[in-house]
Amino acid sequence: VVSANQIPADQLEAASLDGASSVRKRFAIELPQQLAGMLSAGLLVA
């Protein structure tokens, strides 16, 4: 589920141009957008 719901490359490239570190991109950009799908999959697992 996580692999299939990656953030588009242009968003991450724009964040890199703005000086965002890898950790900040992961937790400030990627994770918030992936969270809804992960929660749904987590519900299914539960």
All heavy atoms as atom14 arrays in JSON, in Angstrom:
{
  "sequence": "VVSANQIPADQLEAASLDGASSVRKRFAIELPQQLAGMLSAGLLVA",
  "atom14_mask": [
    [1, 1, 1, 1, 1, 1, 1, 0, 0, 0, 0, 0, 0, 0],
    [1, 1, 1, 1, 1, 1, 1, 0, 0, 0, 0, 0, 0, 0],
    [1, 1, 1, 1, 1, 1, 0, 0, 0, 0, 0, 0, 0, 0],
    [1, 1, 1, 1, 1, 0, 0, 0, 0, 0, 0, 0, 0, 0],
    [1, 1, 1, 1, 1, 1, 1, 1, 0, 0, 0, 0, 0, 0],
    [1, 1, 1, 1, 1, 1, 1, 1, 1, 0, 0, 0, 0, 0],
    [1, 1, 1, 1, 1, 1, 1, 1, 0, 0, 0, 0, 0, 0],
    [1, 1, 1, 1, 1, 1, 1, 0, 0, 0, 0, 0, 0, 0],
    [1, 1, 1, 1, 1, 0, 0, 0, 0, 0, 0, 0, 0, 0],
    [1, 1, 1, 1, 1, 1, 1, 1, 0, 0, 0, 0, 0, 0],
    [1, 1, 1, 1, 1, 1, 1, 1, 1, 0, 0, 0, 0, 0],
    [1, 1, 1, 1, 1, 1, 1, 1, 0, 0, 0, 0, 0, 0],
    [1, 1, 1, 1, 1, 1, 1, 1, 1, 0, 0, 0, 0, 0],
    [1, 1, 1, 1, 1, 0, 0, 0, 0, 0, 0, 0, 0, 0],
    [1, 1, 1, 1, 1, 0, 0, 0, 0, 0, 0, 0, 0, 0],
    [1, 1, 1, 1, 1, 1, 0, 0, 0, 0, 0, 0, 0, 0],
    [1, 1, 1, 1, 1, 1, 1, 1, 0, 0, 0, 0, 0, 0],
    [1, 1, 1, 1, 1, 1, 1, 1, 0, 0, 0, 0, 0, 0],
    [1, 1, 1, 1, 0, 0, 0, 0, 0, 0, 0, 0, 0, 0],
    [1, 1, 1, 1, 1, 0, 0, 0, 0, 0, 0, 0, 0, 0],
    [1, 1, 1, 1, 1, 1, 0, 0, 0, 0, 0, 0, 0, 0],
    [1, 1, 1, 1, 1, 1, 0, 0, 0, 0, 0, 0, 0, 0],
    [1, 1, 1, 1, 1, 1, 1, 0, 0, 0, 0, 0, 0, 0],
    [1, 1, 1, 1, 1, 1, 1, 1, 1, 1, 1, 0, 0, 0],
    [1, 1, 1, 1, 1, 1, 1, 1, 1, 0, 0, 0, 0, 0],
    [1, 1, 1, 1, 1, 1, 1, 1, 1, 1, 1, 0, 0, 0],
    [1, 1, 1, 1, 1, 1, 1, 1, 1, 1, 1, 0, 0, 0],
    [1, 1, 1, 1, 1, 0, 0, 0, 0, 0, 0, 0, 0, 0],
    [1, 1, 1, 1, 1, 1, 1, 1, 0, 0, 0, 0, 0, 0],
    [1, 1, 1, 1, 1, 1, 1, 1, 1, 0, 0, 0, 0, 0],
    [1, 1, 1, 1, 1, 1, 1, 1, 0, 0, 0, 0, 0, 0],
    [1, 1, 1, 1, 1, 1, 1, 0, 0, 0, 0, 0, 0, 0],
    [1, 1, 1, 1, 1, 1, 1, 1, 1, 0, 0, 0, 0, 0],
    [1, 1, 1, 1, 1, 1, 1, 1, 1, 0, 0, 0, 0, 0],
    [1, 1, 1, 1, 1, 1, 1, 1, 0, 0, 0, 0, 0, 0],
    [1, 1, 1, 1, 1, 0, 0, 0, 0, 0, 0, 0, 0, 0],
    [1, 1, 1, 1, 0, 0, 0, 0, 0, 0, 0, 0, 0, 0],
    [1, 1, 1, 1, 1, 1, 1, 1, 0, 0, 0, 0, 0, 0],
    [1, 1, 1, 1, 1, 1, 1, 1, 0, 0, 0, 0, 0, 0],
    [1, 1, 1, 1, 1, 1, 0, 0, 0, 0, 0, 0, 0, 0],
    [1, 1, 1, 1, 1, 0, 0, 0, 0, 0, 0, 0, 0, 0],
    [1, 1, 1, 1, 0, 0, 0, 0, 0, 0, 0, 0, 0, 0],
    [1, 1, 1, 1, 1, 1, 1, 1, 0, 0, 0, 0, 0, 0],
    [1, 1, 1, 1, 1, 1, 1, 1, 0, 0, 0, 0, 0, 0],
    [1, 1, 1, 1, 1, 1, 1, 0, 0, 0, 0, 0, 0, 0],
    [1, 1, 1, 1, 1, 0, 0, 0, 0, 0, 0, 0, 0, 0]
  ],
  "atom14_positions": [
    [[0.83, -1.2, 0.0], [0.0, 0.0, 0.0], [0.87, 1.25, 0.0], [0.62, 2.2, -0.76], [-0.95, -0.01, 1.23], [-1.65, 1.35, 1.37], [-1.98, -1.11, 1.1], [0.0, 0.0, 0.0], [0.0, 0.0, 0.0], [0.0, 0.0, 0.0], [0.0, 0.0, 0.0], [0.0, 0.0, 0.0], [0.0, 0.0, 0.0], [0.0, 0.0, 0.0]],
    [[1.9, 1.28, 0.85], [2.8, 2.44, 0.92], [3.53, 2.62, -0.41], [3.64, 3.74, -0.93], [3.8, 2.27, 2.07], [4.85, 3.38, 2.04], [3.08, 2.28, 3.41], [0.0, 0.0, 0.0], [0.0, 0.0, 0.0], [0.0, 0.0, 0.0], [0.0, 0.0, 0.0], [0.0, 0.0, 0.0], [0.0, 0.0, 0.0], [0.0, 0.0, 0.0]],
    [[4.02, 1.54, -0.99], [4.75, 1.61, -2.25], [3.88, 2.13, -3.38], [4.34, 2.86, -4.26], [5.3, 0.23, -2.61], [5.92, 0.23, -3.87], [0.0, 0.0, 0.0], [0.0, 0.0, 0.0], [0.0, 0.0, 0.0], [0.0, 0.0, 0.0], [0.0, 0.0, 0.0], [0.0, 0.0, 0.0], [0.0, 0.0, 0.0], [0.0, 0.0, 0.0]],
    [[2.6, 1.76, -3.37], [1.68, 2.15, -4.44], [1.16, 3.58, -4.27], [0.5, 4.1, -5.17], [0.5, 1.18, -4.5], [0.0, 0.0, 0.0], [0.0, 0.0, 0.0], [0.0, 0.0, 0.0], [0.0, 0.0, 0.0], [0.0, 0.0, 0.0], [0.0, 0.0, 0.0], [0.0, 0.0, 0.0], [0.0, 0.0, 0.0], [0.0, 0.0, 0.0]],
    [[1.44, 4.2, -3.13], [0.89, 5.53, -2.87], [2.01, 6.53, -2.54], [1.94, 7.26, -1.56], [-0.12, 5.47, -1.72], [-1.38, 4.74, -2.12], [-2.3, 5.32, -2.68], [-1.42, 3.44, -1.85], [0.0, 0.0, 0.0], [0.0, 0.0, 0.0], [0.0, 0.0, 0.0], [0.0, 0.0, 0.0], [0.0, 0.0, 0.0], [0.0, 0.0, 0.0]],
    [[3.03, 6.51, -3.38], [4.13, 7.45, -3.22], [3.73, 8.85, -3.71], [2.81, 9.01, -4.5], [5.36, 6.96, -3.99], [5.98, 5.7, -3.4], [6.6, 5.96, -2.03], [7.49, 6.78, -1.88], [6.12, 5.24, -1.02], [0.0, 0.0, 0.0], [0.0, 0.0, 0.0], [0.0, 0.0, 0.0], [0.0, 0.0, 0.0], [0.0, 0.0, 0.0]],
    [[4.45, 9.83, -3.22], [4.17, 11.22, -3.58], [4.8, 11.54, -4.93], [5.94, 11.12, -5.21], [4.72, 12.17, -2.49], [4.18, 11.75, -1.13], [4.35, 13.62, -2.79], [2.68, 11.61, -1.07], [0.0, 0.0, 0.0], [0.0, 0.0, 0.0], [0.0, 0.0, 0.0], [0.0, 0.0, 0.0], [0.0, 0.0, 0.0], [0.0, 0.0, 0.0]],
    [[4.11, 12.28, -5.82], [4.67, 12.6, -7.14], [6.05, 13.27, -7.03], [6.32, 14.04, -6.1], [3.64, 13.57, -7.73], [2.35, 13.19, -7.05], [2.73, 12.78, -5.67], [0.0, 0.0, 0.0], [0.0, 0.0, 0.0], [0.0, 0.0, 0.0], [0.0, 0.0, 0.0], [0.0, 0.0, 0.0], [0.0, 0.0, 0.0], [0.0, 0.0, 0.0]],
    [[6.89, 12.96, -8.0], [8.27, 13.43, -7.98], [8.37, 14.95, -7.96], [9.26, 15.52, -7.32], [9.02, 12.87, -9.19], [0.0, 0.0, 0.0], [0.0, 0.0, 0.0], [0.0, 0.0, 0.0], [0.0, 0.0, 0.0], [0.0, 0.0, 0.0], [0.0, 0.0, 0.0], [0.0, 0.0, 0.0], [0.0, 0.0, 0.0], [0.0, 0.0, 0.0]],
    [[7.44, 15.64, -8.65], [7.57, 17.1, -8.73], [7.41, 17.77, -7.38], [8.05, 18.79, -7.09], [6.57, 17.67, -9.74], [5.14, 17.27, -9.42], [4.93, 16.45, -8.51], [4.22, 17.78, -10.1], [0.0, 0.0, 0.0], [0.0, 0.0, 0.0], [0.0, 0.0, 0.0], [0.0, 0.0, 0.0], [0.0, 0.0, 0.0], [0.0, 0.0, 0.0]],
    [[6.59, 17.19, -6.5], [6.44, 17.77, -5.16], [7.73, 17.66, -4.36], [8.13, 18.6, -3.67], [5.3, 17.07, -4.4], [3.92, 17.35, -4.95], [2.84, 16.82, -4.02], [3.01, 16.75, -2.82], [1.7, 16.45, -4.61], [0.0, 0.0, 0.0], [0.0, 0.0, 0.0], [0.0, 0.0, 0.0], [0.0, 0.0, 0.0], [0.0, 0.0, 0.0]],
    [[8.35, 16.48, -4.42], [9.58, 16.28, -3.66], [10.73, 17.11, -4.23], [11.57, 17.63, -3.49], [9.95, 14.8, -3.65], [8.92, 13.86, -3.0], [9.42, 12.42, -3.03], [8.65, 14.28, -1.56], [0.0, 0.0, 0.0], [0.0, 0.0, 0.0], [0.0, 0.0, 0.0], [0.0, 0.0, 0.0], [0.0, 0.0, 0.0], [0.0, 0.0, 0.0]],
    [[10.76, 17.26, -5.55], [11.81, 18.07, -6.17], [11.64, 19.54, -5.8], [12.63, 20.25, -5.54], [11.77, 17.9, -7.69], [12.23, 16.5, -8.14], [11.95, 16.24, -9.6], [11.31, 17.12, -10.24], [12.34, 15.18, -10.11], [0.0, 0.0, 0.0], [0.0, 0.0, 0.0], [0.0, 0.0, 0.0], [0.0, 0.0, 0.0], [0.0, 0.0, 0.0]],
    [[10.39, 20.0, -5.74], [10.15, 21.39, -5.33], [10.57, 21.61, -3.88], [11.15, 22.66, -3.55], [8.66, 21.72, -5.51], [0.0, 0.0, 0.0], [0.0, 0.0, 0.0], [0.0, 0.0, 0.0], [0.0, 0.0, 0.0], [0.0, 0.0, 0.0], [0.0, 0.0, 0.0], [0.0, 0.0, 0.0], [0.0, 0.0, 0.0], [0.0, 0.0, 0.0]],
    [[10.29, 20.61, -3.02], [10.7, 20.72, -1.62], [12.22, 20.73, -1.49], [12.77, 21.46, -0.66], [10.11, 19.57, -0.82], [0.0, 0.0, 0.0], [0.0, 0.0, 0.0], [0.0, 0.0, 0.0], [0.0, 0.0, 0.0], [0.0, 0.0, 0.0], [0.0, 0.0, 0.0], [0.0, 0.0, 0.0], [0.0, 0.0, 0.0], [0.0, 0.0, 0.0]],
    [[12.9, 19.96, -2.34], [14.37, 19.94, -2.31], [14.94, 21.29, -2.71], [15.92, 21.78, -2.13], [14.91, 18.84, -3.23], [14.5, 17.57, -2.8], [0.0, 0.0, 0.0], [0.0, 0.0, 0.0], [0.0, 0.0, 0.0], [0.0, 0.0, 0.0], [0.0, 0.0, 0.0], [0.0, 0.0, 0.0], [0.0, 0.0, 0.0], [0.0, 0.0, 0.0]],
    [[14.33, 21.92, -3.71], [14.79, 23.24, -4.15], [14.61, 24.29, -3.06], [15.35, 25.27, -2.99], [14.04, 23.67, -5.42], [14.35, 22.88, -6.69], [13.45, 23.31, -7.83], [15.83, 23.06, -7.08], [0.0, 0.0, 0.0], [0.0, 0.0, 0.0], [0.0, 0.0, 0.0], [0.0, 0.0, 0.0], [0.0, 0.0, 0.0], [0.0, 0.0, 0.0]],
    [[13.6, 24.04, -2.19], [13.36, 24.96, -1.08], [14.23, 24.65, 0.13], [14.1, 25.29, 1.18], [11.89, 24.91, -0.66], [10.98, 25.54, -1.71], [11.48, 26.34, -2.51], [9.77, 25.22, -1.72], [0.0, 0.0, 0.0], [0.0, 0.0, 0.0], [0.0, 0.0, 0.0], [0.0, 0.0, 0.0], [0.0, 0.0, 0.0], [0.0, 0.0, 0.0]],
    [[15.11, 23.64, 0.0], [16.05, 23.33, 1.06], [15.57, 22.32, 2.07], [16.2, 22.16, 3.14], [0.0, 0.0, 0.0], [0.0, 0.0, 0.0], [0.0, 0.0, 0.0], [0.0, 0.0, 0.0], [0.0, 0.0, 0.0], [0.0, 0.0, 0.0], [0.0, 0.0, 0.0], [0.0, 0.0, 0.0], [0.0, 0.0, 0.0], [0.0, 0.0, 0.0]],
    [[14.49, 21.6, 1.78], [13.98, 20.6, 2.72], [14.89, 19.39, 2.76], [15.33, 18.89, 1.72], [12.57, 20.18, 2.34], [0.0, 0.0, 0.0], [0.0, 0.0, 0.0], [0.0, 0.0, 0.0], [0.0, 0.0, 0.0], [0.0, 0.0, 0.0], [0.0, 0.0, 0.0], [0.0, 0.0, 0.0], [0.0, 0.0, 0.0], [0.0, 0.0, 0.0]],
    [[15.21, 18.92, 3.96], [16.04, 17.73, 4.12], [15.22, 16.48, 3.82], [13.99, 16.53, 3.72], [16.59, 17.65, 5.54], [15.52, 17.48, 6.46], [0.0, 0.0, 0.0], [0.0, 0.0, 0.0], [0.0, 0.0, 0.0], [0.0, 0.0, 0.0], [0.0, 0.0, 0.0], [0.0, 0.0, 0.0], [0.0, 0.0, 0.0], [0.0, 0.0, 0.0]],
    [[15.89, 15.33, 3.7], [15.2, 14.07, 3.43], [14.22, 13.72, 4.54], [13.1, 13.27, 4.28], [16.23, 12.94, 3.27], [17.07, 13.18, 2.18], [0.0, 0.0, 0.0], [0.0, 0.0, 0.0], [0.0, 0.0, 0.0], [0.0, 0.0, 0.0], [0.0, 0.0, 0.0], [0.0, 0.0, 0.0], [0.0, 0.0, 0.0], [0.0, 0.0, 0.0]],
    [[14.64, 13.98, 5.79], [13.76, 13.67, 6.93], [12.54, 14.57, 6.91], [11.41, 14.11, 7.13], [14.54, 13.83, 8.26], [13.59, 13.67, 9.45], [15.67, 12.82, 8.34], [0.0, 0.0, 0.0], [0.0, 0.0, 0.0], [0.0, 0.0, 0.0], [0.0, 0.0, 0.0], [0.0, 0.0, 0.0], [0.0, 0.0, 0.0], [0.0, 0.0, 0.0]],
    [[12.76, 15.85, 6.63], [11.62, 16.78, 6.61], [10.66, 16.43, 5.47], [9.44, 16.51, 5.63], [12.13, 18.21, 6.47], [11.01, 19.23, 6.61], [11.53, 20.64, 6.61], [10.46, 21.6, 6.77], [10.61, 22.91, 6.74], [11.83, 23.42, 6.56], [9.59, 23.72, 6.88], [0.0, 0.0, 0.0], [0.0, 0.0, 0.0], [0.0, 0.0, 0.0]],
    [[11.19, 16.08, 4.31], [10.32, 15.69, 3.2], [9.5, 14.45, 3.55], [8.32, 14.36, 3.21], [11.17, 15.41, 1.94], [11.69, 16.66, 1.26], [12.32, 16.35, -0.08], [13.62, 15.57, 0.08], [14.3, 15.34, -1.2], [0.0, 0.0, 0.0], [0.0, 0.0, 0.0], [0.0, 0.0, 0.0], [0.0, 0.0, 0.0], [0.0, 0.0, 0.0]],
    [[10.14, 13.5, 4.25], [9.45, 12.27, 4.62], [8.27, 12.54, 5.54], [7.17, 12.03, 5.33], [10.44, 11.3, 5.29], [9.84, 9.98, 5.7], [9.67, 9.07, 4.51], [10.94, 8.52, 4.07], [11.14, 7.95, 2.9], [10.14, 7.85, 2.05], [12.33, 7.49, 2.56], [0.0, 0.0, 0.0], [0.0, 0.0, 0.0], [0.0, 0.0, 0.0]],
    [[8.52, 13.35, 6.58], [7.51, 13.51, 7.62], [6.6, 14.73, 7.44], [5.51, 14.77, 8.01], [8.19, 13.58, 9.0], [8.79, 12.28, 9.42], [10.15, 12.04, 9.25], [8.0, 11.27, 9.95], [10.71, 10.82, 9.63], [8.55, 10.05, 10.32], [9.9, 9.82, 10.16], [0.0, 0.0, 0.0], [0.0, 0.0, 0.0], [0.0, 0.0, 0.0]],
    [[7.03, 15.71, 6.64], [6.19, 16.89, 6.43], [5.42, 16.85, 5.12], [4.39, 17.53, 4.98], [7.06, 18.15, 6.47], [0.0, 0.0, 0.0], [0.0, 0.0, 0.0], [0.0, 0.0, 0.0], [0.0, 0.0, 0.0], [0.0, 0.0, 0.0], [0.0, 0.0, 0.0], [0.0, 0.0, 0.0], [0.0, 0.0, 0.0], [0.0, 0.0, 0.0]],
    [[5.9, 16.06, 4.14], [5.26, 16.04, 2.83], [4.7, 14.65, 2.51], [3.51, 14.49, 2.18], [6.25, 16.48, 1.74], [6.72, 17.91, 2.0], [5.59, 16.39, 0.35], [7.8, 18.39, 1.05], [0.0, 0.0, 0.0], [0.0, 0.0, 0.0], [0.0, 0.0, 0.0], [0.0, 0.0, 0.0], [0.0, 0.0, 0.0], [0.0, 0.0, 0.0]],
    [[5.54, 13.62, 2.59], [5.12, 12.29, 2.17], [4.11, 11.66, 3.14], [3.02, 11.25, 2.74], [6.34, 11.38, 2.02], [7.3, 11.8, 0.91], [8.46, 10.84, 0.76], [8.22, 9.65, 0.52], [9.62, 11.27, 0.91], [0.0, 0.0, 0.0], [0.0, 0.0, 0.0], [0.0, 0.0, 0.0], [0.0, 0.0, 0.0], [0.0, 0.0, 0.0]],
    [[4.5, 11.56, 4.41], [3.66, 10.85, 5.38], [2.25, 11.43, 5.5], [1.28, 10.67, 5.52], [4.36, 10.82, 6.74], [3.65, 10.02, 7.84], [3.43, 8.58, 7.39], [4.46, 10.07, 9.13], [0.0, 0.0, 0.0], [0.0, 0.0, 0.0], [0.0, 0.0, 0.0], [0.0, 0.0, 0.0], [0.0, 0.0, 0.0], [0.0, 0.0, 0.0]],
    [[2.08, 12.78, 5.58], [0.71, 13.3, 5.69], [-0.19, 12.91, 4.52], [-1.39, 12.68, 4.71], [0.92, 14.82, 5.75], [2.29, 14.99, 6.32], [3.09, 13.85, 5.73], [0.0, 0.0, 0.0], [0.0, 0.0, 0.0], [0.0, 0.0, 0.0], [0.0, 0.0, 0.0], [0.0, 0.0, 0.0], [0.0, 0.0, 0.0], [0.0, 0.0, 0.0]],
    [[0.38, 12.84, 3.31], [-0.44, 12.49, 2.15], [-0.69, 10.98, 2.05], [-1.66, 10.55, 1.44], [0.25, 12.99, 0.87], [0.34, 14.51, 0.8], [0.88, 14.98, -0.54], [0.33, 14.69, -1.6], [1.99, 15.73, -0.49], [0.0, 0.0, 0.0], [0.0, 0.0, 0.0], [0.0, 0.0, 0.0], [0.0, 0.0, 0.0], [0.0, 0.0, 0.0]],
    [[0.2, 10.18, 2.63], [0.03, 8.73, 2.61], [-0.82, 8.22, 3.77], [-1.27, 7.08, 3.76], [1.41, 8.05, 2.69], [2.3, 8.29, 1.49], [3.71, 7.79, 1.73], [4.27, 7.92, 2.82], [4.31, 7.2, 0.7], [0.0, 0.0, 0.0], [0.0, 0.0, 0.0], [0.0, 0.0, 0.0], [0.0, 0.0, 0.0], [0.0, 0.0, 0.0]],
    [[-1.04, 9.09, 4.75], [-1.63, 8.64, 6.01], [-3.03, 8.07, 5.85], [-3.36, 7.05, 6.46], [-1.65, 9.8, 7.01], [-1.91, 9.43, 8.48], [-0.87, 8.43, 8.96], [-1.9, 10.68, 9.35], [0.0, 0.0, 0.0], [0.0, 0.0, 0.0], [0.0, 0.0, 0.0], [0.0, 0.0, 0.0], [0.0, 0.0, 0.0], [0.0, 0.0, 0.0]],
    [[-3.88, 8.71, 5.03], [-5.25, 8.24, 4.89], [-5.3, 6.81, 4.36], [-6.05, 5.97, 4.86], [-6.04, 9.18, 3.96], [0.0, 0.0, 0.0], [0.0, 0.0, 0.0], [0.0, 0.0, 0.0], [0.0, 0.0, 0.0], [0.0, 0.0, 0.0], [0.0, 0.0, 0.0], [0.0, 0.0, 0.0], [0.0, 0.0, 0.0], [0.0, 0.0, 0.0]],
    [[-4.49, 6.53, 3.34], [-4.45, 5.17, 2.8], [-3.88, 4.17, 3.79], [-4.36, 3.03, 3.88], [0.0, 0.0, 0.0], [0.0, 0.0, 0.0], [0.0, 0.0, 0.0], [0.0, 0.0, 0.0], [0.0, 0.0, 0.0], [0.0, 0.0, 0.0], [0.0, 0.0, 0.0], [0.0, 0.0, 0.0], [0.0, 0.0, 0.0], [0.0, 0.0, 0.0]],
    [[-2.85, 4.59, 4.53], [-2.27, 3.7, 5.53], [-3.26, 3.39, 6.64], [-3.34, 2.26, 7.13], [-1.0, 4.33, 6.11], [0.17, 4.38, 5.14], [1.56, 5.32, 5.82], [1.89, 4.41, 7.32], [0.0, 0.0, 0.0], [0.0, 0.0, 0.0], [0.0, 0.0, 0.0], [0.0, 0.0, 0.0], [0.0, 0.0, 0.0], [0.0, 0.0, 0.0]],
    [[-4.03, 4.4, 7.05], [-5.02, 4.18, 8.1], [-6.11, 3.22, 7.63], [-6.58, 2.37, 8.38], [-5.64, 5.52, 8.51], [-4.73, 6.48, 9.28], [-5.41, 7.82, 9.48], [-4.34, 5.88, 10.62], [0.0, 0.0, 0.0], [0.0, 0.0, 0.0], [0.0, 0.0, 0.0], [0.0, 0.0, 0.0], [0.0, 0.0, 0.0], [0.0, 0.0, 0.0]],
    [[-6.52, 3.36, 6.37], [-7.52, 2.45, 5.83], [-6.99, 1.02, 5.78], [-7.69, 0.07, 6.15], [-7.94, 2.9, 4.42], [-8.89, 2.02, 3.87], [0.0, 0.0, 0.0], [0.0, 0.0, 0.0], [0.0, 0.0, 0.0], [0.0, 0.0, 0.0], [0.0, 0.0, 0.0], [0.0, 0.0, 0.0], [0.0, 0.0, 0.0], [0.0, 0.0, 0.0]],
    [[-5.74, 0.87, 5.32], [-5.14, -0.46, 5.29], [-4.95, -1.0, 6.7], [-5.14, -2.19, 6.96], [-3.79, -0.4, 4.55], [0.0, 0.0, 0.0], [0.0, 0.0, 0.0], [0.0, 0.0, 0.0], [0.0, 0.0, 0.0], [0.0, 0.0, 0.0], [0.0, 0.0, 0.0], [0.0, 0.0, 0.0], [0.0, 0.0, 0.0], [0.0, 0.0, 0.0]],
    [[-4.57, -0.11, 7.64], [-4.43, -0.53, 9.03], [-5.74, -0.99, 9.62], [-5.78, -1.94, 10.42], [0.0, 0.0, 0.0], [0.0, 0.0, 0.0], [0.0, 0.0, 0.0], [0.0, 0.0, 0.0], [0.0, 0.0, 0.0], [0.0, 0.0, 0.0], [0.0, 0.0, 0.0], [0.0, 0.0, 0.0], [0.0, 0.0, 0.0], [0.0, 0.0, 0.0]],
    [[-6.83, -0.32, 9.25], [-8.16, -0.75, 9.69], [-8.45, -2.16, 9.19], [-8.95, -3.02, 9.93], [-9.22, 0.22, 9.17], [-10.68, -0.21, 9.34], [-11.05, -0.31, 10.81], [-11.62, 0.75, 8.61], [0.0, 0.0, 0.0], [0.0, 0.0, 0.0], [0.0, 0.0, 0.0], [0.0, 0.0, 0.0], [0.0, 0.0, 0.0], [0.0, 0.0, 0.0]],
    [[-8.13, -2.4, 7.92], [-8.36, -3.72, 7.35], [-7.56, -4.79, 8.1], [-8.09, -5.86, 8.42], [-7.96, -3.72, 5.87], [-8.36, -4.93, 5.03], [-9.87, -5.01, 4.91], [-7.73, -4.85, 3.65], [0.0, 0.0, 0.0], [0.0, 0.0, 0.0], [0.0, 0.0, 0.0], [0.0, 0.0, 0.0], [0.0, 0.0, 0.0], [0.0, 0.0, 0.0]],
    [[-6.31, -4.49, 8.43], [-5.47, -5.43, 9.17], [-6.05, -5.68, 10.56], [-6.1, -6.82, 11.03], [-4.02, -4.91, 9.26], [-3.2, -5.78, 10.21], [-3.38, -4.88, 7.88], [0.0, 0.0, 0.0], [0.0, 0.0, 0.0], [0.0, 0.0, 0.0], [0.0, 0.0, 0.0], [0.0, 0.0, 0.0], [0.0, 0.0, 0.0], [0.0, 0.0, 0.0]],
    [[-6.49, -4.61, 11.23], [-7.06, -4.76, 12.56], [-8.31, -5.62, 12.53], [-8.51, -6.49, 13.4], [-7.37, -3.38, 13.16], [0.0, 0.0, 0.0], [0.0, 0.0, 0.0], [0.0, 0.0, 0.0], [0.0, 0.0, 0.0], [0.0, 0.0, 0.0], [0.0, 0.0, 0.0], [0.0, 0.0, 0.0], [0.0, 0.0, 0.0], [0.0, 0.0, 0.0]]
  ]
}
